[in-house]
């Protein structure tokens, strides 16, 4: 039977085989225990390439989509990044190893609190977890070098997030309808579709 460390190494080997080439992202995912962000009954499934339930109608994204989305940002070690949709906190943990600072925003206070505890216990001191509407709750710290959205915007990129980008910044966001669409990268005033994806819908406005 595999140990969690062996399963994590196998996950990284599979990510490489599936085309992930960003070494900072791969090193982060080789280091961070994905099971740390799951309930005990799901820990044995931590390194399967599948989304897993984290409660409140949310899931932890597959390892591949975390790796692909983070790589698509193409941020540097000195970058400041906004993540919209903290979920379990796993994605923020990966980002924390790839850039200088991360503000991550979660609409569900219960999930935000759990993610905050999980990130703190792993020593992710460069991550700030906030509660609220992810499209506006990080405005005070803008502009961002990168913005990564872990929920699907309906039909178009959120203008409120584009406004928070630094001049050379990059936004990576799923765009579609009914949870199915494309992962879109926006930078320098242009957008490109990267991959077909499925995500929970991006919810904005007051709770």
Protein backbone atom coordinates (compact mmCIF):
# COMPACT_ATOMS: atom_id res chain seq x y z
CA UNK A 1 0.00 0.00 0.00
CA UNK A 2 1.32 3.46 -0.96
CA UNK A 3 2.23 6.00 1.68
CA UNK A 4 0.85 9.51 1.24
CA UNK A 5 4.34 10.71 0.25
CA UNK A 6 4.52 8.04 -2.46
CA UNK A 7 1.03 8.93 -3.68
CA UNK A 8 2.04 12.59 -3.84
CA UNK A 9 5.16 11.75 -5.85
CA UNK A 10 3.06 9.65 -8.22
CA UNK A 11 0.62 12.57 -8.62
CA UNK A 12 3.49 14.86 -9.62
CA UNK A 13 4.85 12.30 -12.10
CA UNK A 14 1.39 12.07 -13.66
CA UNK A 15 1.11 15.86 -13.86
CA UNK A 16 4.42 15.95 -15.74
CA UNK A 17 3.16 13.23 -18.08
CA UNK A 18 0.00 15.26 -18.66
CA UNK A 19 1.97 18.31 -19.81
CA UNK A 20 2.53 20.41 -16.69
CA UNK A 21 6.02 21.93 -17.03
CA UNK A 22 6.13 24.77 -14.47
CA UNK A 23 8.73 23.53 -12.00
CA UNK A 24 7.66 25.90 -9.21
CA UNK A 25 4.12 24.54 -9.37
CA UNK A 26 5.30 20.94 -9.49
CA UNK A 27 7.65 21.48 -6.55
CA UNK A 28 4.84 23.09 -4.55
CA UNK A 29 2.50 20.20 -5.24
CA UNK A 30 5.23 17.70 -4.35
CA UNK A 31 5.57 19.43 -0.99
CA UNK A 32 2.01 20.28 0.07
CA UNK A 33 -0.09 17.47 1.62
CA UNK A 34 -3.43 17.59 -0.23
CA UNK A 35 -4.97 15.35 2.43
CA UNK A 36 -4.46 18.16 4.94
CA UNK A 37 -7.32 20.03 3.23
CA UNK A 38 -9.81 17.15 3.27
CA UNK A 39 -12.04 15.52 5.85
CA UNK A 40 -10.58 12.32 7.38
CA UNK A 41 -12.93 10.06 5.45
CA UNK A 42 -11.64 11.43 2.12
CA UNK A 43 -7.93 11.44 2.93
CA UNK A 44 -7.37 8.11 1.19
CA UNK A 45 -8.61 9.70 -2.07
CA UNK A 46 -6.43 12.82 -1.76
CA UNK A 47 -4.20 12.09 -4.76
CA UNK A 48 -6.82 10.82 -7.16
CA UNK A 49 -7.29 13.17 -10.12
CA UNK A 50 -10.86 13.94 -9.20
CA UNK A 51 -12.72 16.77 -7.43
CA UNK A 52 -13.69 15.94 -3.84
CA UNK A 53 -16.47 17.30 -1.65
CA UNK A 54 -15.48 19.86 1.01
CA UNK A 55 -19.00 20.82 2.13
CA UNK A 56 -21.26 23.83 1.50
CA UNK A 57 -21.77 22.66 -2.08
CA UNK A 58 -18.09 23.15 -2.92
CA UNK A 59 -15.28 20.83 -4.05
CA UNK A 60 -11.50 20.75 -4.02
CA UNK A 61 -10.43 20.92 -7.66
CA UNK A 62 -8.53 18.07 -9.29
CA UNK A 63 -4.73 18.19 -8.96
CA UNK A 64 -4.45 18.72 -12.71
CA UNK A 65 -6.73 21.78 -12.82
CA UNK A 66 -4.91 23.30 -9.82
CA UNK A 67 -1.56 22.76 -11.54
CA UNK A 68 -2.77 23.93 -14.96
CA UNK A 69 -4.55 27.05 -13.69
CA UNK A 70 -1.65 28.09 -11.46
CA UNK A 71 0.86 27.53 -14.25
CA UNK A 72 -1.30 29.60 -16.62
CA UNK A 73 -0.88 32.65 -14.39
CA UNK A 74 2.86 32.69 -15.17
CA UNK A 75 3.59 34.74 -12.06
CA UNK A 76 7.04 35.34 -10.59
CA UNK A 77 8.40 34.78 -7.10
CA UNK A 78 7.83 38.50 -6.40
CA UNK A 79 4.19 38.58 -7.55
CA UNK A 80 1.10 39.46 -5.54
CA UNK A 81 -1.87 37.24 -6.41
CA UNK A 82 -5.60 37.35 -5.71
CA UNK A 83 -7.45 34.04 -5.58
CA UNK A 84 -11.24 34.13 -5.84
CA UNK A 85 -12.81 31.04 -4.29
CA UNK A 86 -10.61 29.73 -1.49
CA UNK A 87 -12.55 26.52 -1.05
CA UNK A 88 -10.39 24.11 0.94
CA UNK A 89 -7.32 26.36 0.81
CA UNK A 90 -5.24 23.88 -1.22
CA UNK A 91 -4.96 26.13 -4.26
CA UNK A 92 -3.85 29.04 -2.09
CA UNK A 93 -1.20 26.81 -0.50
CA UNK A 94 0.19 25.97 -3.94
CA UNK A 95 0.17 29.65 -4.91
CA UNK A 96 1.93 30.55 -1.67
CA UNK A 97 4.99 28.59 -2.79
CA UNK A 98 5.07 30.30 -6.19
CA UNK A 99 4.70 34.01 -5.39
CA UNK A 100 5.37 36.63 -2.73
CA UNK A 101 1.87 37.04 -1.30
CA UNK A 102 -1.67 35.74 -1.78
CA UNK A 103 -5.03 37.18 -0.82
CA UNK A 104 -7.69 34.51 -1.15
CA UNK A 105 -11.39 35.18 -0.75
CA UNK A 106 -14.13 32.72 0.15
CA UNK A 107 -17.84 33.51 0.16
CA UNK A 108 -18.72 30.78 2.69
CA UNK A 109 -17.46 31.81 6.18
CA UNK A 110 -17.32 28.20 7.37
CA UNK A 111 -15.00 27.20 4.51
CA UNK A 112 -12.92 30.36 4.96
CA UNK A 113 -12.37 29.56 8.63
CA UNK A 114 -11.33 25.98 7.90
CA UNK A 115 -8.99 27.06 5.11
CA UNK A 116 -7.46 29.72 7.35
CA UNK A 117 -6.68 27.10 9.99
CA UNK A 118 -5.30 24.62 7.46
CA UNK A 119 -3.05 27.20 5.83
CA UNK A 120 -1.81 28.52 9.15
CA UNK A 121 -0.91 25.05 10.39
CA UNK A 122 1.21 24.52 7.25
CA UNK A 123 3.07 27.78 7.82
CA UNK A 124 1.62 29.60 4.81
CA UNK A 125 2.29 32.99 6.39
CA UNK A 126 2.14 34.85 3.08
CA UNK A 127 -1.55 33.96 2.58
CA UNK A 128 -4.42 36.11 3.86
CA UNK A 129 -7.87 34.49 3.86
CA UNK A 130 -10.85 36.84 3.65
CA UNK A 131 -14.62 36.27 3.75
CA UNK A 132 -16.86 37.94 1.19
CA UNK A 133 -17.58 38.57 -2.48
CA UNK A 134 -14.37 37.64 -4.27
CA UNK A 135 -14.83 40.20 -7.02
CA UNK A 136 -14.66 43.16 -4.64
CA UNK A 137 -13.33 42.08 -1.22
CA UNK A 138 -9.71 42.43 -2.30
CA UNK A 139 -9.92 45.85 -3.93
CA UNK A 140 -7.94 47.55 -1.18
CA UNK A 141 -4.83 45.49 -2.02
CA UNK A 142 -5.05 45.94 -5.82
CA UNK A 143 -3.44 46.03 -8.30
CA UNK A 144 -2.51 42.35 -8.56
CA UNK A 145 0.08 40.71 -10.77
CA UNK A 146 -2.19 37.70 -11.07
CA UNK A 147 -5.81 36.88 -10.34
CA UNK A 148 -6.95 33.25 -10.30
CA UNK A 149 -10.67 32.48 -10.14
CA UNK A 150 -11.78 29.03 -8.95
CA UNK A 151 -15.45 29.40 -9.94
CA UNK A 152 -17.15 29.92 -13.28
CA UNK A 153 -18.15 33.40 -14.38
CA UNK A 154 -21.33 33.49 -16.45
CA UNK A 155 -20.68 34.24 -20.12
CA UNK A 156 -17.93 36.87 -19.68
CA UNK A 157 -14.92 37.79 -17.57
CA UNK A 158 -15.81 39.86 -14.48
CA UNK A 159 -15.03 43.50 -15.21
CA UNK A 160 -14.52 44.15 -11.50
CA UNK A 161 -11.55 41.76 -11.53
CA UNK A 162 -10.03 43.09 -14.74
CA UNK A 163 -10.00 46.52 -13.08
CA UNK A 164 -7.87 45.09 -10.24
CA UNK A 165 -5.09 43.81 -12.50
CA UNK A 166 -1.71 45.50 -12.68
CA UNK A 167 -0.86 46.80 -16.19
CA UNK A 168 1.07 43.62 -17.05
CA UNK A 169 -1.11 41.37 -14.88
CA UNK A 170 -2.84 38.12 -15.83
CA UNK A 171 -6.36 36.94 -15.02
CA UNK A 172 -7.21 33.23 -15.28
CA UNK A 173 -10.92 32.52 -14.94
CA UNK A 174 -13.42 29.88 -16.09
CA UNK A 175 -16.15 31.41 -18.24
CA UNK A 176 -19.30 29.65 -19.35
CA UNK A 177 -22.82 28.79 -18.39
CA UNK A 178 -24.36 26.31 -15.95
CA UNK A 179 -20.93 25.33 -14.66
CA UNK A 180 -19.48 24.30 -18.06
CA UNK A 181 -17.23 26.41 -20.25
CA UNK A 182 -13.65 27.45 -21.00
CA UNK A 183 -10.70 28.37 -18.83
CA UNK A 184 -9.82 31.83 -20.13
CA UNK A 185 -6.58 33.77 -19.70
CA UNK A 186 -6.73 37.57 -20.00
CA UNK A 187 -3.70 39.85 -20.24
CA UNK A 188 -2.62 42.91 -22.20
CA UNK A 189 -6.26 43.55 -23.15
CA UNK A 190 -6.64 40.19 -24.87
CA UNK A 191 -8.25 36.92 -23.84
CA UNK A 192 -7.55 33.36 -24.94
CA UNK A 193 -9.31 30.09 -24.23
CA UNK A 194 -7.00 27.50 -22.70
CA UNK A 195 -9.09 24.43 -21.88
CA UNK A 196 -12.62 23.07 -21.56
CA UNK A 197 -13.49 22.98 -17.85
CA UNK A 198 -16.31 22.50 -15.38
CA UNK A 199 -16.58 24.59 -12.19
CA UNK A 200 -19.16 25.61 -9.63
CA UNK A 201 -20.71 28.99 -10.55
CA UNK A 202 -19.14 32.26 -9.42
CA UNK A 203 -21.58 33.96 -7.05
CA UNK A 204 -21.30 37.71 -6.50
CA UNK A 205 -23.10 40.33 -4.45
CA UNK A 206 -24.21 40.29 -0.82
CA UNK A 207 -24.95 37.00 0.93
